[in-house]
Every structure is written in C-alpha cells, then in structure tokens.
C-alpha atoms as a PDB file:
ATOM      1  CA  ASP A   1      -4.392  25.930  -5.490  1.00  0.00           C
ATOM      2  CA  PRO A   2      -7.922  25.816  -3.709  1.00  0.00           C
ATOM      3  CA  ASN A   3      -6.957  29.889  -3.125  1.00  0.00           C
ATOM      4  CA  GLU A   4      -7.476  30.603  -6.651  1.00  0.00           C
ATOM      5  CA  LEU A   5     -10.712  31.831  -7.972  1.00  0.00           C
ATOM      6  CA  TRP A   6     -11.753  29.274  -9.795  1.00  0.00           C
ATOM      7  CA  SER A   7     -12.484  27.916  -6.003  1.00  0.00           C
ATOM      8  CA  MET A   8     -14.719  30.421  -4.877  1.00  0.00           C
ATOM      9  CA  GLY A   9     -17.809  29.606  -6.862  1.00  0.00           C
ATOM     10  CA  VAL A  10     -20.535  31.938  -7.300  1.00  0.00           C
ATOM     11  CA  GLN A  11     -23.730  31.517  -4.876  1.00  0.00           C
ATOM     12  CA  ASP A  12     -26.914  33.075  -6.443  1.00  0.00           C
ATOM     13  CA  TYR A  13     -25.656  35.095  -8.740  1.00  0.00           C
ATOM     14  CA  PRO A  14     -28.873  37.215 -10.445  1.00  0.00           C
ATOM     15  CA  LEU A  15     -29.948  36.515 -13.777  1.00  0.00           C
ATOM     16  CA  ALA A  16     -32.364  37.639 -15.741  1.00  0.00           C
ATOM     17  CA  GLU A  17     -35.508  36.523 -13.573  1.00  0.00           C
ATOM     18  CA  GLY A  18     -33.849  34.181 -11.321  1.00  0.00           C
ATOM     19  CA  THR A  19     -30.031  33.142 -10.014  1.00  0.00           C
ATOM     20  CA  VAL A  20     -27.504  30.767 -10.771  1.00  0.00           C
ATOM     21  CA  SER A  21     -24.796  29.116  -8.362  1.00  0.00           C
ATOM     22  CA  VAL A  22     -21.464  27.588  -9.729  1.00  0.00           C
ATOM     23  CA  THR A  23     -19.107  25.493  -7.460  1.00  0.00           C
ATOM     24  CA  ILE A  24     -15.635  23.634  -9.495  1.00  0.00           C
ATOM     25  CA  GLU A  25     -14.069  20.704  -8.231  1.00  0.00           C
ATOM     26  CA  ASP A  26     -10.889  19.906  -8.912  1.00  0.00           C
ATOM     27  CA  LEU A  27     -10.419  16.018 -10.181  1.00  0.00           C
ATOM     28  CA  ASP A  28      -6.789  16.208 -10.179  1.00  0.00           C
ATOM     29  CA  GLY A  29      -6.585  16.563  -6.620  1.00  0.00           C
ATOM     30  CA  ARG A  30      -8.371  12.886  -6.345  1.00  0.00           C
ATOM     31  CA  LEU A  31      -8.084   9.196  -7.262  1.00  0.00           C
ATOM     32  CA  GLN A  32      -8.562   8.169 -10.495  1.00  0.00           C
ATOM     33  CA  LEU A  33     -10.455   5.058 -10.097  1.00  0.00           C
ATOM     34  CA  ASN A  34     -10.406   3.660 -13.876  1.00  0.00           C
ATOM     35  CA  LEU A  35      -6.583   3.679 -13.234  1.00  0.00           C
ATOM     36  CA  LEU A  36      -6.924   0.531 -11.110  1.00  0.00           C
ATOM     37  CA  VAL A  37      -6.742  -1.403 -14.391  1.00  0.00           C
ATOM     38  CA  ASP A  38      -4.174  -0.539 -17.223  1.00  0.00           C
ATOM     39  CA  GLN A  39      -4.696  -0.307 -20.565  1.00  0.00           C
ATOM     40  CA  GLN A  40      -3.890  -3.708 -21.701  1.00  0.00           C
ATOM     41  CA  GLY A  41      -7.172  -4.833 -19.038  1.00  0.00           C
ATOM     42  CA  ASN A  42      -4.638  -6.025 -16.104  1.00  0.00           C
ATOM     43  CA  THR A  43      -4.487  -4.640 -12.713  1.00  0.00           C
ATOM     44  CA  ASN A  44      -2.519  -2.030 -11.723  1.00  0.00           C
ATOM     45  CA  ILE A  45      -1.191  -2.770  -8.625  1.00  0.00           C
ATOM     46  CA  LEU A  46       0.316   0.488  -7.499  1.00  0.00           C
ATOM     47  CA  TYR A  47      -3.375   2.512  -8.247  1.00  0.00           C
ATOM     48  CA  ARG A  48      -4.967  -0.926  -6.191  1.00  0.00           C
ATOM     49  CA  ASP A  49      -2.667  -0.586  -3.600  1.00  0.00           C
ATOM     50  CA  ARG A  50      -3.491   3.516  -3.336  1.00  0.00           C
ATOM     51  CA  PHE A  51      -7.396   2.487  -3.201  1.00  0.00           C
ATOM     52  CA  VAL A  52      -7.210  -0.335  -0.265  1.00  0.00           C
ATOM     53  CA  ARG A  53      -4.931   2.707   1.727  1.00  0.00           C
ATOM     54  CA  LEU A  54      -7.415   5.144   0.928  1.00  0.00           C
ATOM     55  CA  CYS A  55     -10.310   3.011   2.005  1.00  0.00           C
ATOM     56  CA  GLN A  56      -8.390   2.273   5.376  1.00  0.00           C
ATOM     57  CA  GLU A  57      -7.644   5.581   6.082  1.00  0.00           C
ATOM     58  CA  LEU A  58     -11.562   6.597   5.463  1.00  0.00           C
ATOM     59  CA  ALA A  59     -12.458   3.731   7.615  1.00  0.00           C
ATOM     60  CA  LEU A  60     -14.311   1.213   5.444  1.00  0.00           C
ATOM     61  CA  ASP A  61     -15.559  -2.137   6.022  1.00  0.00           C
ATOM     62  CA  ASN A  62     -13.729  -4.668   3.540  1.00  0.00           C
ATOM     63  CA  PRO A  63     -11.042  -2.583   1.807  1.00  0.00           C
ATOM     64  CA  GLU A  64      -9.490  -5.898  -0.281  1.00  0.00           C
ATOM     65  CA  GLU A  65     -13.022  -6.863  -1.457  1.00  0.00           C
ATOM     66  CA  LEU A  66     -13.831  -3.048  -2.553  1.00  0.00           C
ATOM     67  CA  ALA A  67     -10.688  -3.568  -4.514  1.00  0.00           C
ATOM     68  CA  ASP A  68     -11.505  -6.705  -5.865  1.00  0.00           C
ATOM     69  CA  SER A  69     -15.176  -5.972  -6.847  1.00  0.00           C
ATOM     70  CA  LEU A  70     -14.043  -2.595  -8.362  1.00  0.00           C
ATOM     71  CA  VAL A  71     -11.010  -4.162 -10.720  1.00  0.00           C
ATOM     72  CA  ASP A  72     -13.620  -6.940 -11.848  1.00  0.00           C
ATOM     73  CA  TRP A  73     -16.044  -4.180 -13.032  1.00  0.00           C
ATOM     74  CA  LEU A  74     -13.478  -2.398 -14.986  1.00  0.00           C
ATOM     75  CA  ASP A  75     -11.003  -5.336 -16.200  1.00  0.00           C
ATOM     76  CA  PRO A  76     -12.565  -6.764 -19.733  1.00  0.00           C
ATOM     77  CA  ASP A  77     -11.817 -10.212 -18.821  1.00  0.00           C
ATOM     78  CA  HIS A  78     -14.263 -12.415 -16.569  1.00  0.00           C
ATOM     79  CA  GLU A  79     -11.804 -14.047 -14.432  1.00  0.00           C
ATOM     80  CA  THR A  80     -12.985 -13.442 -10.726  1.00  0.00           C
ATOM     81  CA  ASN A  81     -10.569 -11.888  -8.132  1.00  0.00           C
ATOM     82  CA  PRO A  82     -10.789 -13.486  -4.712  1.00  0.00           C
ATOM     83  CA  ALA A  83     -13.262 -11.139  -3.303  1.00  0.00           C
ATOM     84  CA  GLY A  84     -14.469  -9.754  -6.163  1.00  0.00           C
ATOM     85  CA  ALA A  85     -17.279 -10.363  -8.873  1.00  0.00           C
ATOM     86  CA  GLU A  86     -18.142 -11.052 -12.229  1.00  0.00           C
ATOM     87  CA  ASP A  87     -21.232 -12.042 -14.166  1.00  0.00           C
ATOM     88  CA  ALA A  88     -22.024 -15.101 -11.940  1.00  0.00           C
ATOM     89  CA  TYR A  89     -22.989 -12.425  -9.251  1.00  0.00           C
ATOM     90  CA  TYR A  90     -24.797  -9.487 -10.761  1.00  0.00           C
ATOM     91  CA  VAL A  91     -26.921 -11.514 -13.079  1.00  0.00           C
ATOM     92  CA  ALA A  92     -28.214 -12.758  -9.722  1.00  0.00           C
ATOM     93  CA  GLN A  93     -29.346  -9.856  -8.469  1.00  0.00           C
ATOM     94  CA  SER A  94     -33.370  -8.636  -9.028  1.00  0.00           C
ATOM     95  CA  PRO A  95     -33.439  -7.202 -11.341  1.00  0.00           C
ATOM     96  CA  PRO A  96     -30.348  -8.886 -12.853  1.00  0.00           C
ATOM     97  CA  TYR A  97     -27.781  -7.100 -14.800  1.00  0.00           C
ATOM     98  CA  GLU A  98     -23.626  -7.603 -15.873  1.00  0.00           C
ATOM     99  CA  ALA A  99     -20.806  -5.779 -15.406  1.00  0.00           C
ATOM    100  CA  THR A 100     -20.189  -3.012 -17.570  1.00  0.00           C
ATOM    101  CA  ASP A 101     -16.474  -4.462 -17.651  1.00  0.00           C
ATOM    102  CA  GLY A 102     -15.204  -1.193 -18.859  1.00  0.00           C
ATOM    103  CA  ALA A 103     -14.373   2.175 -17.620  1.00  0.00           C
ATOM    104  CA  LEU A 104     -16.369   4.517 -14.786  1.00  0.00           C
ATOM    105  CA  LEU A 105     -18.191   7.690 -16.307  1.00  0.00           C
ATOM    106  CA  SER A 106     -19.374   8.724 -12.980  1.00  0.00           C
ATOM    107  CA  ILE A 107     -19.001   7.543  -9.435  1.00  0.00           C
ATOM    108  CA  ASP A 108     -22.586   6.940  -9.022  1.00  0.00           C
ATOM    109  CA  GLU A 109     -21.828   4.185 -11.432  1.00  0.00           C
ATOM    110  CA  LEU A 110     -20.151   2.191  -8.079  1.00  0.00           C
ATOM    111  CA  HIS A 111     -24.005   1.448  -6.621  1.00  0.00           C
ATOM    112  CA  LEU A 112     -23.962  -1.234  -8.990  1.00  0.00           C
ATOM    113  CA  VAL A 113     -20.712  -2.305  -8.265  1.00  0.00           C
ATOM    114  CA  ARG A 114     -20.586  -5.120  -5.087  1.00  0.00           C
ATOM    115  CA  GLY A 115     -20.177  -4.003  -1.682  1.00  0.00           C
ATOM    116  CA  PHE A 116     -20.162  -0.605  -2.472  1.00  0.00           C
ATOM    117  CA  ASP A 117     -23.258   0.803  -0.138  1.00  0.00           C
ATOM    118  CA  THR A 118     -24.595   4.298  -0.243  1.00  0.00           C
ATOM    119  CA  GLU A 119     -22.397   4.688   2.872  1.00  0.00           C
ATOM    120  CA  ALA A 120     -19.198   3.698   1.672  1.00  0.00           C
ATOM    121  CA  ILE A 121     -20.195   5.918  -1.617  1.00  0.00           C
ATOM    122  CA  THR A 122     -20.697   9.138  -0.005  1.00  0.00           C
ATOM    123  CA  ARG A 123     -17.275   8.916   2.142  1.00  0.00           C
ATOM    124  CA  LEU A 124     -15.091   8.066  -0.959  1.00  0.00           C
ATOM    125  CA  LYS A 125     -16.948  10.718  -3.421  1.00  0.00           C
ATOM    126  CA  PRO A 126     -14.548  13.771  -2.152  1.00  0.00           C
ATOM    127  CA  PHE A 127     -11.477  11.710  -2.924  1.00  0.00           C
ATOM    128  CA  VAL A 128     -12.107   9.913  -5.903  1.00  0.00           C
ATOM    129  CA  SER A 129     -12.889  10.466  -9.093  1.00  0.00           C
ATOM    130  CA  SER A 130     -13.715   8.695 -12.403  1.00  0.00           C
ATOM    131  CA  PHE A 131     -11.750  10.835 -14.998  1.00  0.00           C
ATOM    132  CA  GLY A 132      -8.367  12.523 -14.618  1.00  0.00           C
ATOM    133  CA  SER A 133      -4.531  13.258 -15.819  1.00  0.00           C
ATOM    134  CA  GLY A 134      -3.211  10.871 -13.731  1.00  0.00           C
ATOM    135  CA  LYS A 135      -1.198  13.003 -11.908  1.00  0.00           C
ATOM    136  CA  LEU A 136      -1.833  13.556  -8.348  1.00  0.00           C
ATOM    137  CA  ASN A 137      -2.178  17.733  -7.941  1.00  0.00           C
ATOM    138  CA  THR A 138      -0.534  18.031  -4.474  1.00  0.00           C
ATOM    139  CA  ASN A 139      -1.657  21.505  -4.035  1.00  0.00           C
ATOM    140  CA  THR A 140      -5.203  20.428  -3.838  1.00  0.00           C
ATOM    141  CA  ALA A 141      -4.718  16.332  -2.781  1.00  0.00           C
ATOM    142  CA  SER A 142      -6.424  15.617   0.628  1.00  0.00           C
ATOM    143  CA  PRO A 143      -3.912  14.482   3.492  1.00  0.00           C
ATOM    144  CA  GLU A 144      -5.871  11.269   3.285  1.00  0.00           C
ATOM    145  CA  LEU A 145      -5.477  11.340  -0.098  1.00  0.00           C
ATOM    146  CA  LEU A 146      -1.377  11.965   0.027  1.00  0.00           C
ATOM    147  CA  ARG A 147      -0.811   9.614   3.316  1.00  0.00           C
ATOM    148  CA  SER A 148      -2.211   6.813   0.736  1.00  0.00           C
ATOM    149  CA  TRP A 149      -0.094   7.854  -2.434  1.00  0.00           C
ATOM    150  CA  ASP A 150       2.873   5.871  -1.053  1.00  0.00           C
ATOM    151  CA  ILE A 151       3.372   3.680   2.328  1.00  0.00           C
ATOM    152  CA  GLU A 152       7.260   4.626   2.275  1.00  0.00           C
ATOM    153  CA  THR A 153       6.639   8.739   2.487  1.00  0.00           C
ATOM    154  CA  ILE A 154       3.625   8.512   4.911  1.00  0.00           C
ATOM    155  CA  GLU A 155       5.959  10.722   7.002  1.00  0.00           C
ATOM    156  CA  ALA A 156       6.196  13.722   4.217  1.00  0.00           C
ATOM    157  CA  VAL A 157       2.710  14.658   4.074  1.00  0.00           C
ATOM    158  CA  GLU A 158       2.606  16.909   7.264  1.00  0.00           C
ATOM    159  CA  ASP A 159       5.631  18.317   5.026  1.00  0.00           C
ATOM    160  CA  ILE A 160       3.722  19.091   2.042  1.00  0.00           C
ATOM    161  CA  LEU A 161       0.396  20.601   4.065  1.00  0.00           C
ATOM    162  CA  SER A 162       2.462  22.773   5.916  1.00  0.00           C
ATOM    163  CA  ARG A 163       4.416  24.427   2.906  1.00  0.00           C
ATOM    164  CA  ARG A 164       1.268  24.090   0.865  1.00  0.00           C
ATOM    165  CA  ALA A 165      -0.515  26.166   3.231  1.00  0.00           C
ATOM    166  CA  GLU A 166       2.071  29.074   3.242  1.00  0.00           C
ATOM    167  CA  THR A 167       2.581  28.925  -0.614  1.00  0.00           C
ATOM    168  CA  PRO A 168       1.441  26.548  -2.940  1.00  0.00           C
ATOM    169  CA  PHE A 169       3.564  24.481  -5.473  1.00  0.00           C
ATOM    170  CA  ARG A 170       4.487  26.001  -9.062  1.00  0.00           C
ATOM    171  CA  HIS A 171       6.695  23.409  -9.881  1.00  0.00           C
ATOM    172  CA  LEU A 172       7.836  19.908  -9.212  1.00  0.00           C
ATOM    173  CA  ASN A 173      11.070  21.354  -8.329  1.00  0.00           C
ATOM    174  CA  GLU A 174       9.866  23.384  -5.729  1.00  0.00           C
ATOM    175  CA  LEU A 175       7.984  19.918  -3.570  1.00  0.00           C
ATOM    176  CA  ARG A 176      11.896  18.106  -4.738  1.00  0.00           C
ATOM    177  CA  GLU A 177      13.086  21.034  -2.418  1.00  0.00           C
ATOM    178  CA  THR A 178      10.736  20.754   0.563  1.00  0.00           C
ATOM    179  CA  LEU A 179      10.641  16.712   0.650  1.00  0.00           C
ATOM    180  CA  GLY A 180      14.644  16.269  -0.023  1.00  0.00           C
ATOM    181  CA  ILE A 181      15.777  14.075  -3.240  1.00  0.00           C
ATOM    182  CA  GLU A 182      15.051  10.736  -1.786  1.00  0.00           C
ATOM    183  CA  THR A 183      11.740  10.809  -0.395  1.00  0.00           C
ATOM    184  CA  PHE A 184      10.786  12.777  -3.602  1.00  0.00           C
ATOM    185  CA  THR A 185      11.898  10.357  -5.791  1.00  0.00           C
ATOM    186  CA  ALA A 186      10.125   7.594  -3.966  1.00  0.00           C
ATOM    187  CA  MET A 187       6.814   9.415  -3.488  1.00  0.00           C
ATOM    188  CA  ASN A 188       6.633  10.478  -7.672  1.00  0.00           C
ATOM    189  CA  ARG A 189       8.677   6.837  -8.644  1.00  0.00           C
ATOM    190  CA  ASN A 190       6.057   6.590 -10.959  1.00  0.00           C
ATOM    191  CA  LEU A 191       6.018  10.286 -12.219  1.00  0.00           C
ATOM    192  CA  ASP A 192       2.876  10.711 -11.689  1.00  0.00           C
ATOM    193  CA  LEU A 193       2.874  13.697  -9.284  1.00  0.00           C
ATOM    194  CA  GLY A 194       1.980  17.298 -10.253  1.00  0.00           C
ATOM    195  CA  VAL A 195       1.230  20.592  -9.101  1.00  0.00           C
ATOM    196  CA  THR A 196      -1.380  21.698 -11.622  1.00  0.00           C
ATOM    197  CA  SER A 197      -4.762  20.132 -12.702  1.00  0.00           C
ATOM    198  CA  SER A 198      -6.495  20.056 -16.087  1.00  0.00           C
ATOM    199  CA  PHE A 199      -9.434  17.979 -14.892  1.00  0.00           C
ATOM    200  CA  TYR A 200     -12.421  19.723 -13.111  1.00  0.00           C
ATOM    201  CA  GLN A 201     -16.147  18.921 -12.588  1.00  0.00           C
ATOM    202  CA  ILE A 202     -18.554  21.933 -12.728  1.00  0.00           C
ATOM    203  CA  ASN A 203     -21.504  22.084 -10.428  1.00  0.00           C
ATOM    204  CA  SER A 204     -24.317  24.703 -11.529  1.00  0.00           C
ATOM    205  CA  GLN A 205     -27.601  25.478 -10.459  1.00  0.00           C
ATOM    206  CA  GLY A 206     -30.487  27.763 -11.893  1.00  0.00           C
ATOM    207  CA  GLN A 207     -33.387  28.765 -10.445  1.00  0.00           C
ATOM    208  CA  VAL A 208     -36.773  30.924 -11.408  1.00  0.00           C
ATOM    209  CA  ASN A 209     -39.144  30.907  -8.251  1.00  0.00           C
ATOM    210  CA  ASP A 210     -39.484  27.562  -7.256  1.00  0.00           C
ATOM    211  CA  GLY A 211     -38.341  25.768 -10.147  1.00  0.00           C
ATOM    212  CA  ALA A 212     -34.549  24.516 -10.557  1.00  0.00           C
ATOM    213  CA  ARG A 213     -32.354  23.197 -12.666  1.00  0.00           C
ATOM    214  CA  ARG A 214     -28.739  21.525 -11.849  1.00  0.00           C
ATOM    215  CA  MET A 215     -26.392  20.329 -14.112  1.00  0.00           C
ATOM    216  CA  LYS A 216     -23.008  18.518 -13.683  1.00  0.00           C
ATOM    217  CA  ALA A 217     -20.236  18.386 -16.144  1.00  0.00           C
ATOM    218  CA  ILE A 218     -16.911  17.092 -16.072  1.00  0.00           C
ATOM    219  CA  VAL A 219     -14.290  19.110 -18.677  1.00  0.00           C
ATOM    220  CA  ASN A 220     -11.192  18.881 -19.684  1.00  0.00           C
ATOM    221  CA  LYS A 221      -9.542  22.546 -19.686  1.00  0.00           C
ATOM    222  CA  SER A 222      -5.958  21.711 -21.576  1.00  0.00           C
ATOM    223  CA  ASP A 223      -7.847  21.225 -25.016  1.00  0.00           C
ATOM    224  CA  ASP A 224     -11.260  22.625 -23.934  1.00  0.00           C
ATOM    225  CA  GLN A 225     -13.380  19.311 -23.929  1.00  0.00           C
ATOM    226  CA  LEU A 226     -16.847  18.309 -22.358  1.00  0.00           C
ATOM    227  CA  LEU A 227     -16.155  14.813 -21.235  1.00  0.00           C
ATOM    228  CA  TRP A 228     -19.434  14.062 -19.485  1.00  0.00           C
ATOM    229  CA  GLN A 229     -22.423  15.946 -18.112  1.00  0.00           C
ATOM    230  CA  LYS A 230     -25.644  15.216 -16.354  1.00  0.00           C
ATOM    231  CA  VAL A 231     -28.749  17.476 -16.240  1.00  0.00           C
ATOM    232  CA  ASN A 232     -31.406  16.925 -13.527  1.00  0.00           C
END
C-alpha cells in the first residue's frame, strides 16, 4: 500500500560528490494496456470496455476510437476495427511507419497510435502501464480505475476507498468481507483483483553540479527481473 517504505522515495540523497533521487511507482495498481488483446491475438472485450470507461472517467475525447486504434496497434492481424487504424493509415503519415502489431514496451509508444495526442497520453499515464501481473492491486488503484473496473460495482468503490484508508487490505478475504460476497464475486469474476503487487517502475536521477543523468526501469520483484529500462 502507499504508506509502505517503497512509496516514500528518496530525494537528493548525498552520494560521493553528487546526489541521488529515487521514486517508485506501483504498476499493478494500473490498467495493463497490452491486455486489451489476448494471447491468441483477439480483442479482450472485458479489458477494452475497462479502457473505454477509464477514458470516459478522464473526460477524453472519442474513447471508442482510442480503444479501436489501440487494439489494431496491438493485435497481429491487419483487419481494421470500425474506428481504428492499420498500416494503410500509418504508411500515409510523414514520415511513414507501420503498426507494431505487438505489445507496447513503453507508454510513450502511444504517441505513434492514431488518436493519442500529447494531452490524452498525459492524462492516461498515471492510470495505465505496459507491464503488469494482470491483477489490479485494490490498495493502490485510483478511484477512477476502480470505477472503470466493473460497471456493476461502481457503488462499491467508496467502500474500498473508505476501508483501505483505515487499514490496507492484506488478503482478498478482507476485500470480500468489506464488499459482501455478491459484489466481490461480480468485481472479481475474472479472478483479476489482488492486494499486493509485483511490477514497479523505478525512476532515478543522479546529479553532480549541473550534470544529471536519469533512468527509468521496470522490474518484476517476484523473480527479481529487469523488464525494461531507459537512460537519458
């Protein structure tokens, strides 16, 4: 949960002749965008609907167009969804390029996808990820994302927020007791709720005088695996 030591971060910690700053973001408290397409390359309707509802929560323009374009970017086929875009659209751009037809490695890749302008991506970034376990950590998920998770359980969100503000959930049984078995079953019908996390983004900066170097890294702490990194 956000009150644990990992989320506190380190600001300007003295090291040698410079300083180091570190922040850590929980990615299992976000919507994993690659799950909009399943392992067989088909649209995951459940996650697509969640993404559309999240876009509506964030007051983004044309949520259906964003969803269709993202699915087309992720899926391996070349069939265009009703409001989406495939290679015919992208090769007509200047400069021309092709759709990845595969998983996103970074949220910044959304800049290449039709309909995702800088404003939309900036609004989405705190709520989505390109890595994750597929189980939403109810201790760290935002109210907007919890409301997007299942349309039948919107009213349950206030119960989750109220309970976790007092004491974070340690076991799914505690979440079930808070919501009641019917609401919990509806919200967890796909067994994709959780109370812990495995995937994190680590943002670090080292600075000596006026020189600075920044690094972002995504890790899976369950098997101590580095999944992605970027240095600038």
